[in-house]
Amino acid sequence: MELQDLYELSQGDLDLLMAETAEIRSDPENRARSHGRWCTAGYVLELSRIIDTRRLNE
């Protein structure tokens, strides 16, 4: 996934992405099962939050 892909998502898709990545991050079993996936979800979640905030401020 490229950063540009996140910027091109509709707001609805961005909201869904944030919800799904937050769910991955909130489950402690996900961290134990797949640390890489858990970390990636955290990065994507933070980038999505930044994009969401920027959109709200525009």
C-alpha atoms as a PDB file:
ATOM      1  CA  MET A   1       0.000   0.000   0.000  1.00  0.00           C
ATOM      2  CA  GLU A   2       1.305   3.416  -0.957  1.00  0.00           C
ATOM      3  CA  LEU A   3       0.638   6.563   1.045  1.00  0.00           C
ATOM      4  CA  GLN A   4      -1.124   8.011  -1.997  1.00  0.00           C
ATOM      5  CA  ASP A   5      -3.576   5.083  -1.850  1.00  0.00           C
ATOM      6  CA  LEU A   6      -4.667   6.219   1.613  1.00  0.00           C
ATOM      7  CA  TYR A   7      -5.185   9.799   0.430  1.00  0.00           C
ATOM      8  CA  GLU A   8      -7.305   8.579  -2.480  1.00  0.00           C
ATOM      9  CA  LEU A   9      -9.719   6.569  -0.296  1.00  0.00           C
ATOM     10  CA  SER A  10     -13.197   7.978   0.134  1.00  0.00           C
ATOM     11  CA  GLN A  11     -14.040   9.102   3.657  1.00  0.00           C
ATOM     12  CA  GLY A  12     -16.248   6.050   4.150  1.00  0.00           C
ATOM     13  CA  ASP A  13     -13.462   3.685   3.144  1.00  0.00           C
ATOM     14  CA  LEU A  14     -10.988   5.563   5.337  1.00  0.00           C
ATOM     15  CA  ASP A  15     -13.368   5.234   8.303  1.00  0.00           C
ATOM     16  CA  LEU A  16     -13.702   1.502   7.638  1.00  0.00           C
ATOM     17  CA  LEU A  17      -9.924   1.121   7.401  1.00  0.00           C
ATOM     18  CA  MET A  18      -9.478   2.932  10.722  1.00  0.00           C
ATOM     19  CA  ALA A  19     -12.085   0.708  12.373  1.00  0.00           C
ATOM     20  CA  GLU A  20     -10.523  -2.494  11.085  1.00  0.00           C
ATOM     21  CA  THR A  21      -6.960  -1.525  11.972  1.00  0.00           C
ATOM     22  CA  ALA A  22      -8.085  -0.369  15.424  1.00  0.00           C
ATOM     23  CA  GLU A  23      -9.701  -3.779  15.938  1.00  0.00           C
ATOM     24  CA  ILE A  24      -6.446  -5.540  15.011  1.00  0.00           C
ATOM     25  CA  ARG A  25      -4.506  -3.327  17.416  1.00  0.00           C
ATOM     26  CA  SER A  26      -6.956  -3.807  20.287  1.00  0.00           C
ATOM     27  CA  ASP A  27      -6.738  -7.618  20.302  1.00  0.00           C
ATOM     28  CA  PRO A  28      -3.704  -8.772  22.334  1.00  0.00           C
ATOM     29  CA  GLU A  29      -3.801 -12.163  20.609  1.00  0.00           C
ATOM     30  CA  ASN A  30      -3.099 -10.470  17.264  1.00  0.00           C
ATOM     31  CA  ARG A  31       0.156  -9.106  18.648  1.00  0.00           C
ATOM     32  CA  ALA A  32       1.266 -12.539  19.794  1.00  0.00           C
ATOM     33  CA  ARG A  33       0.149 -14.261  16.575  1.00  0.00           C
ATOM     34  CA  SER A  34       1.550 -11.827  14.052  1.00  0.00           C
ATOM     35  CA  HIS A  35       3.660  -9.010  15.421  1.00  0.00           C
ATOM     36  CA  GLY A  36       4.374  -7.669  11.918  1.00  0.00           C
ATOM     37  CA  ARG A  37       0.681  -7.423  11.056  1.00  0.00           C
ATOM     38  CA  TRP A  38      -0.008  -5.781  14.412  1.00  0.00           C
ATOM     39  CA  CYS A  39       2.731  -3.169  13.810  1.00  0.00           C
ATOM     40  CA  THR A  40       1.608  -2.508  10.242  1.00  0.00           C
ATOM     41  CA  ALA A  41      -1.957  -1.990  11.442  1.00  0.00           C
ATOM     42  CA  GLY A  42      -0.644   0.599  13.894  1.00  0.00           C
ATOM     43  CA  TYR A  43       1.197   2.515  11.172  1.00  0.00           C
ATOM     44  CA  VAL A  44      -1.805   2.456   8.844  1.00  0.00           C
ATOM     45  CA  LEU A  45      -4.115   3.524  11.672  1.00  0.00           C
ATOM     46  CA  GLU A  46      -1.938   6.513  12.572  1.00  0.00           C
ATOM     47  CA  LEU A  47      -1.575   7.609   8.943  1.00  0.00           C
ATOM     48  CA  SER A  48      -5.334   7.279   8.464  1.00  0.00           C
ATOM     49  CA  ARG A  49      -5.975   9.415  11.542  1.00  0.00           C
ATOM     50  CA  ILE A  50      -3.629  12.103  10.210  1.00  0.00           C
ATOM     51  CA  ILE A  51      -5.407  12.117   6.839  1.00  0.00           C
ATOM     52  CA  ASP A  52      -8.801  12.206   8.577  1.00  0.00           C
ATOM     53  CA  THR A  53      -7.746  15.182  10.712  1.00  0.00           C
ATOM     54  CA  ARG A  54      -6.389  17.048   7.691  1.00  0.00           C
ATOM     55  CA  ARG A  55      -9.647  16.501   5.831  1.00  0.00           C
ATOM     56  CA  LEU A  56     -11.634  17.850   8.763  1.00  0.00           C
ATOM     57  CA  ASN A  57      -9.456  20.960   8.910  1.00  0.00           C
ATOM     58  CA  GLU A  58      -9.821  21.744   5.190  1.00  0.00           C
END
